[in-house]
Amino acid sequence: MASQMTEMLKGTLEGIVLAVLAEQPAYGYEITARLRDEGFTELVEGTVYALLVRIEQRGFVDVEKVPSEKGPPRKVYTINGTGRAQLDEFWRTWSFLAERIEQLHRNRAEGEV
């Protein structure tokens, strides 16, 4: 199941991270910790950092460097208007897919009765 979960997560992680940032600005480690708290225990920190670079390049977030007590400044990511539009599209797509998958699942379960 782990490899299937990893593959499915790859396609949805951008939306998941944008959803986390829609709640409040955060830096990379905070995002990873929050996702692990939500049950994404297998998530590798490097995956989140690579995704943050991509969403920054795509213009979905604003970035502010904030001093850190432990080392170099932290990059704090804040979702912006473009990112919110992308997140809205993610939720529309997610709802569409979830409804279709659930219908397939129900049909299969009814066929097994």
N, C-alpha and C. Protein backbone atom coordinates (compact mmCIF):
# COMPACT_ATOMS: atom_id res chain seq x y z
N MET A 1 0.82 -1.20 0.00
CA MET A 1 0.00 0.00 0.00
C MET A 1 0.86 1.26 0.00
N ALA A 2 2.03 1.21 0.59
CA ALA A 2 2.87 2.40 0.71
C ALA A 2 3.22 2.99 -0.65
N SER A 3 3.58 2.14 -1.62
CA SER A 3 3.96 2.69 -2.92
C SER A 3 2.76 3.28 -3.64
N GLN A 4 1.57 2.67 -3.49
CA GLN A 4 0.38 3.25 -4.11
C GLN A 4 0.04 4.58 -3.46
N MET A 5 0.18 4.65 -2.13
CA MET A 5 -0.08 5.90 -1.42
C MET A 5 0.88 6.98 -1.89
N THR A 6 2.14 6.63 -2.06
CA THR A 6 3.14 7.59 -2.52
C THR A 6 2.77 8.13 -3.90
N GLU A 7 2.38 7.26 -4.79
CA GLU A 7 2.02 7.68 -6.14
C GLU A 7 0.79 8.58 -6.14
N MET A 8 -0.21 8.23 -5.36
CA MET A 8 -1.43 9.05 -5.30
C MET A 8 -1.13 10.40 -4.66
N LEU A 9 -0.27 10.39 -3.66
CA LEU A 9 0.08 11.63 -2.97
C LEU A 9 0.82 12.59 -3.90
N LYS A 10 1.66 12.06 -4.78
CA LYS A 10 2.39 12.92 -5.72
C LYS A 10 1.45 13.80 -6.52
N GLY A 11 0.32 13.27 -6.92
CA GLY A 11 -0.61 14.02 -7.74
C GLY A 11 -1.45 15.02 -6.97
N THR A 12 -1.48 14.90 -5.65
CA THR A 12 -2.35 15.76 -4.86
C THR A 12 -1.60 16.66 -3.87
N LEU A 13 -0.31 16.43 -3.72
CA LEU A 13 0.44 17.13 -2.68
C LEU A 13 0.44 18.64 -2.86
N GLU A 14 0.47 19.12 -4.09
CA GLU A 14 0.45 20.57 -4.29
C GLU A 14 -0.81 21.17 -3.68
N GLY A 15 -1.95 20.58 -3.96
CA GLY A 15 -3.20 21.08 -3.40
C GLY A 15 -3.24 20.96 -1.89
N ILE A 16 -2.70 19.87 -1.38
CA ILE A 16 -2.66 19.66 0.08
C ILE A 16 -1.81 20.74 0.75
N VAL A 17 -0.66 21.03 0.18
CA VAL A 17 0.22 22.07 0.76
C VAL A 17 -0.44 23.44 0.65
N LEU A 18 -1.07 23.72 -0.47
CA LEU A 18 -1.77 25.01 -0.60
C LEU A 18 -2.90 25.10 0.43
N ALA A 19 -3.57 23.99 0.71
CA ALA A 19 -4.63 23.99 1.73
C ALA A 19 -4.06 24.30 3.11
N VAL A 20 -2.89 23.74 3.41
CA VAL A 20 -2.23 24.04 4.69
C VAL A 20 -1.89 25.52 4.76
N LEU A 21 -1.36 26.06 3.67
CA LEU A 21 -0.97 27.48 3.66
C LEU A 21 -2.19 28.41 3.66
N ALA A 22 -3.33 27.92 3.20
CA ALA A 22 -4.55 28.74 3.24
C ALA A 22 -5.00 28.95 4.68
N GLU A 23 -4.61 28.05 5.57
CA GLU A 23 -4.96 28.20 6.98
C GLU A 23 -4.05 29.21 7.67
N GLN A 24 -2.75 29.15 7.34
CA GLN A 24 -1.80 30.12 7.90
C GLN A 24 -0.46 29.98 7.21
N PRO A 25 0.29 31.08 7.13
CA PRO A 25 1.65 31.01 6.55
C PRO A 25 2.51 30.04 7.35
N ALA A 26 3.48 29.44 6.68
CA ALA A 26 4.34 28.48 7.36
C ALA A 26 5.65 28.32 6.59
N TYR A 27 6.65 27.78 7.27
CA TYR A 27 7.90 27.44 6.60
C TYR A 27 7.91 25.92 6.37
N GLY A 28 8.86 25.46 5.61
CA GLY A 28 8.88 24.08 5.14
C GLY A 28 8.73 23.03 6.22
N TYR A 29 9.52 23.13 7.28
CA TYR A 29 9.43 22.12 8.32
C TYR A 29 8.07 22.12 9.01
N GLU A 30 7.49 23.31 9.21
CA GLU A 30 6.16 23.40 9.82
C GLU A 30 5.12 22.68 8.96
N ILE A 31 5.23 22.86 7.65
CA ILE A 31 4.29 22.22 6.74
C ILE A 31 4.43 20.71 6.83
N THR A 32 5.67 20.22 6.80
CA THR A 32 5.92 18.78 6.89
C THR A 32 5.38 18.23 8.22
N ALA A 33 5.66 18.92 9.31
CA ALA A 33 5.19 18.47 10.63
C ALA A 33 3.67 18.44 10.68
N ARG A 34 3.04 19.45 10.13
CA ARG A 34 1.57 19.50 10.13
C ARG A 34 1.00 18.33 9.33
N LEU A 35 1.57 18.05 8.17
CA LEU A 35 1.09 16.94 7.36
C LEU A 35 1.31 15.60 8.06
N ARG A 36 2.43 15.46 8.73
CA ARG A 36 2.65 14.23 9.50
C ARG A 36 1.64 14.10 10.62
N ASP A 37 1.32 15.21 11.28
CA ASP A 37 0.29 15.20 12.33
C ASP A 37 -1.07 14.79 11.76
N GLU A 38 -1.29 15.11 10.50
CA GLU A 38 -2.56 14.78 9.84
C GLU A 38 -2.59 13.35 9.31
N GLY A 39 -1.50 12.62 9.52
CA GLY A 39 -1.48 11.22 9.12
C GLY A 39 -0.60 10.87 7.94
N PHE A 40 0.02 11.85 7.34
CA PHE A 40 0.93 11.61 6.22
C PHE A 40 2.32 11.29 6.77
N THR A 41 2.40 10.19 7.51
CA THR A 41 3.60 9.86 8.26
C THR A 41 4.79 9.47 7.39
N GLU A 42 4.53 9.02 6.18
CA GLU A 42 5.61 8.58 5.30
C GLU A 42 6.19 9.73 4.47
N LEU A 43 5.65 10.91 4.62
CA LEU A 43 6.07 12.06 3.82
C LEU A 43 7.50 12.45 4.14
N VAL A 44 8.30 12.57 3.09
CA VAL A 44 9.71 12.94 3.24
C VAL A 44 9.83 14.46 3.15
N GLU A 45 10.58 15.04 4.07
CA GLU A 45 10.73 16.49 4.13
C GLU A 45 11.22 17.07 2.80
N GLY A 46 12.15 16.39 2.15
CA GLY A 46 12.69 16.86 0.88
C GLY A 46 11.62 17.00 -0.19
N THR A 47 10.61 16.15 -0.14
CA THR A 47 9.51 16.22 -1.10
C THR A 47 8.76 17.53 -0.94
N VAL A 48 8.53 17.92 0.29
CA VAL A 48 7.82 19.18 0.57
C VAL A 48 8.66 20.36 0.11
N TYR A 49 9.96 20.34 0.37
CA TYR A 49 10.82 21.46 -0.04
C TYR A 49 10.86 21.59 -1.56
N ALA A 50 10.93 20.48 -2.26
CA ALA A 50 10.93 20.53 -3.73
C ALA A 50 9.61 21.09 -4.25
N LEU A 51 8.52 20.72 -3.61
CA LEU A 51 7.22 21.23 -4.00
C LEU A 51 7.11 22.73 -3.72
N LEU A 52 7.65 23.18 -2.60
CA LEU A 52 7.62 24.60 -2.27
C LEU A 52 8.38 25.43 -3.31
N VAL A 53 9.48 24.91 -3.80
CA VAL A 53 10.22 25.60 -4.87
C VAL A 53 9.32 25.73 -6.10
N ARG A 54 8.63 24.65 -6.46
CA ARG A 54 7.76 24.67 -7.65
C ARG A 54 6.60 25.65 -7.49
N ILE A 55 5.94 25.63 -6.31
CA ILE A 55 4.79 26.53 -6.18
C ILE A 55 5.23 27.99 -6.07
N GLU A 56 6.45 28.21 -5.58
CA GLU A 56 6.99 29.57 -5.59
C GLU A 56 7.25 30.01 -7.03
N GLN A 57 7.86 29.14 -7.82
CA GLN A 57 8.15 29.47 -9.22
C GLN A 57 6.87 29.69 -10.02
N ARG A 58 5.83 28.98 -9.68
CA ARG A 58 4.55 29.12 -10.39
C ARG A 58 3.75 30.33 -9.91
N GLY A 59 4.23 31.00 -8.88
CA GLY A 59 3.59 32.24 -8.42
C GLY A 59 2.39 32.02 -7.52
N PHE A 60 2.31 30.86 -6.84
CA PHE A 60 1.17 30.56 -5.98
C PHE A 60 1.34 31.05 -4.55
N VAL A 61 2.57 31.43 -4.22
CA VAL A 61 2.86 31.87 -2.85
C VAL A 61 3.75 33.09 -2.86
N ASP A 62 3.68 33.84 -1.79
CA ASP A 62 4.63 34.91 -1.53
C ASP A 62 5.58 34.38 -0.47
N VAL A 63 6.82 34.80 -0.54
CA VAL A 63 7.84 34.28 0.37
C VAL A 63 8.49 35.43 1.11
N GLU A 64 8.65 35.24 2.42
CA GLU A 64 9.33 36.23 3.25
C GLU A 64 10.40 35.50 4.05
N LYS A 65 11.59 36.05 4.05
CA LYS A 65 12.66 35.47 4.87
C LYS A 65 12.56 36.05 6.27
N VAL A 66 12.44 35.15 7.23
CA VAL A 66 12.26 35.53 8.62
C VAL A 66 13.45 35.02 9.42
N PRO A 67 14.05 35.88 10.27
CA PRO A 67 15.19 35.42 11.07
C PRO A 67 14.83 34.20 11.92
N SER A 68 15.81 33.33 12.09
CA SER A 68 15.64 32.13 12.89
C SER A 68 16.66 32.15 14.02
N GLU A 69 16.25 31.64 15.19
CA GLU A 69 17.20 31.55 16.30
C GLU A 69 18.25 30.49 16.03
N LYS A 70 17.91 29.54 15.17
CA LYS A 70 18.80 28.40 14.91
C LYS A 70 19.23 28.39 13.45
N GLY A 71 20.20 29.19 13.10
CA GLY A 71 20.73 29.14 11.75
C GLY A 71 20.24 30.24 10.83
N PRO A 72 20.24 29.94 9.52
CA PRO A 72 19.88 30.95 8.53
C PRO A 72 18.40 31.32 8.59
N PRO A 73 18.04 32.44 7.96
CA PRO A 73 16.63 32.85 7.95
C PRO A 73 15.75 31.75 7.33
N ARG A 74 14.53 31.68 7.81
CA ARG A 74 13.55 30.73 7.28
C ARG A 74 12.73 31.41 6.20
N LYS A 75 12.37 30.63 5.19
CA LYS A 75 11.47 31.12 4.16
C LYS A 75 10.05 30.78 4.58
N VAL A 76 9.26 31.81 4.87
CA VAL A 76 7.87 31.61 5.26
C VAL A 76 7.00 31.83 4.03
N TYR A 77 6.16 30.85 3.75
CA TYR A 77 5.32 30.85 2.55
C TYR A 77 3.90 31.26 2.92
N THR A 78 3.36 32.20 2.12
CA THR A 78 1.99 32.67 2.30
C THR A 78 1.27 32.50 0.97
N ILE A 79 0.13 31.83 1.00
CA ILE A 79 -0.64 31.66 -0.23
C ILE A 79 -1.11 33.04 -0.70
N ASN A 80 -1.09 33.27 -2.00
CA ASN A 80 -1.55 34.55 -2.55
C ASN A 80 -2.81 34.31 -3.41
N GLY A 81 -3.27 35.33 -4.10
CA GLY A 81 -4.48 35.21 -4.91
C GLY A 81 -4.39 34.14 -5.98
N THR A 82 -3.26 34.07 -6.64
CA THR A 82 -3.07 33.05 -7.68
C THR A 82 -3.10 31.66 -7.05
N GLY A 83 -2.48 31.53 -5.89
CA GLY A 83 -2.49 30.25 -5.18
C GLY A 83 -3.88 29.88 -4.71
N ARG A 84 -4.65 30.87 -4.25
CA ARG A 84 -6.03 30.58 -3.83
C ARG A 84 -6.89 30.12 -5.01
N ALA A 85 -6.68 30.73 -6.16
CA ALA A 85 -7.41 30.28 -7.36
C ALA A 85 -7.01 28.85 -7.71
N GLN A 86 -5.73 28.54 -7.60
CA GLN A 86 -5.25 27.18 -7.87
C GLN A 86 -5.84 26.20 -6.85
N LEU A 87 -5.91 26.61 -5.59
CA LEU A 87 -6.48 25.76 -4.55
C LEU A 87 -7.97 25.52 -4.81
N ASP A 88 -8.70 26.56 -5.22
CA ASP A 88 -10.12 26.40 -5.56
C ASP A 88 -10.29 25.38 -6.69
N GLU A 89 -9.44 25.47 -7.69
CA GLU A 89 -9.49 24.52 -8.80
C GLU A 89 -9.15 23.11 -8.32
N PHE A 90 -8.18 23.00 -7.43
CA PHE A 90 -7.84 21.69 -6.86
C PHE A 90 -9.06 21.08 -6.18
N TRP A 91 -9.76 21.87 -5.34
CA TRP A 91 -10.93 21.33 -4.62
C TRP A 91 -12.04 20.95 -5.59
N ARG A 92 -12.26 21.72 -6.65
CA ARG A 92 -13.29 21.35 -7.64
C ARG A 92 -12.92 20.02 -8.30
N THR A 93 -11.66 19.90 -8.70
CA THR A 93 -11.21 18.67 -9.34
C THR A 93 -11.28 17.50 -8.37
N TRP A 94 -10.83 17.72 -7.14
CA TRP A 94 -10.87 16.67 -6.13
C TRP A 94 -12.31 16.19 -5.91
N SER A 95 -13.25 17.11 -5.78
CA SER A 95 -14.65 16.74 -5.56
C SER A 95 -15.19 15.92 -6.73
N PHE A 96 -14.88 16.35 -7.94
CA PHE A 96 -15.32 15.61 -9.12
C PHE A 96 -14.76 14.18 -9.09
N LEU A 97 -13.47 14.05 -8.89
CA LEU A 97 -12.84 12.73 -8.89
C LEU A 97 -13.34 11.87 -7.72
N ALA A 98 -13.45 12.44 -6.54
CA ALA A 98 -13.89 11.69 -5.36
C ALA A 98 -15.31 11.15 -5.57
N GLU A 99 -16.19 11.97 -6.15
CA GLU A 99 -17.56 11.52 -6.42
C GLU A 99 -17.57 10.36 -7.40
N ARG A 100 -16.78 10.46 -8.47
CA ARG A 100 -16.75 9.39 -9.47
C ARG A 100 -16.16 8.11 -8.91
N ILE A 101 -15.09 8.24 -8.14
CA ILE A 101 -14.45 7.06 -7.54
C ILE A 101 -15.40 6.40 -6.54
N GLU A 102 -16.07 7.21 -5.74
CA GLU A 102 -17.03 6.66 -4.76
C GLU A 102 -18.17 5.95 -5.47
N GLN A 103 -18.63 6.50 -6.58
CA GLN A 103 -19.69 5.85 -7.35
C GLN A 103 -19.22 4.49 -7.88
N LEU A 104 -18.00 4.45 -8.40
CA LEU A 104 -17.44 3.18 -8.86
C LEU A 104 -17.35 2.17 -7.72
N HIS A 105 -16.95 2.64 -6.57
CA HIS A 105 -16.84 1.78 -5.39
C HIS A 105 -18.21 1.24 -4.97
N ARG A 106 -19.21 2.13 -4.95
CA ARG A 106 -20.58 1.69 -4.60
C ARG A 106 -21.10 0.66 -5.60
N ASN A 107 -20.87 0.93 -6.89
CA ASN A 107 -21.33 0.00 -7.93
C ASN A 107 -20.68 -1.36 -7.74
N ARG A 108 -19.41 -1.37 -7.43
CA ARG A 108 -18.69 -2.63 -7.23
C ARG A 108 -19.24 -3.35 -6.01
N ALA A 109 -19.47 -2.60 -4.91
CA ALA A 109 -20.00 -3.21 -3.68
C ALA A 109 -21.40 -3.77 -3.91
N GLU A 110 -22.22 -3.07 -4.65
CA GLU A 110 -23.59 -3.55 -4.94
C GLU A 110 -23.54 -4.80 -5.80
N GLY A 111 -22.57 -4.86 -6.70
CA GLY A 111 -22.42 -6.03 -7.57
C GLY A 111 -21.95 -7.27 -6.83
N GLU A 112 -21.33 -7.07 -5.67
CA GLU A 112 -20.81 -8.20 -4.89
C GLU A 112 -21.85 -8.78 -3.95
N VAL A 113 -22.96 -8.08 -3.77
CA VAL A 113 -23.98 -8.54 -2.80
C VAL A 113 -24.69 -9.77 -3.27
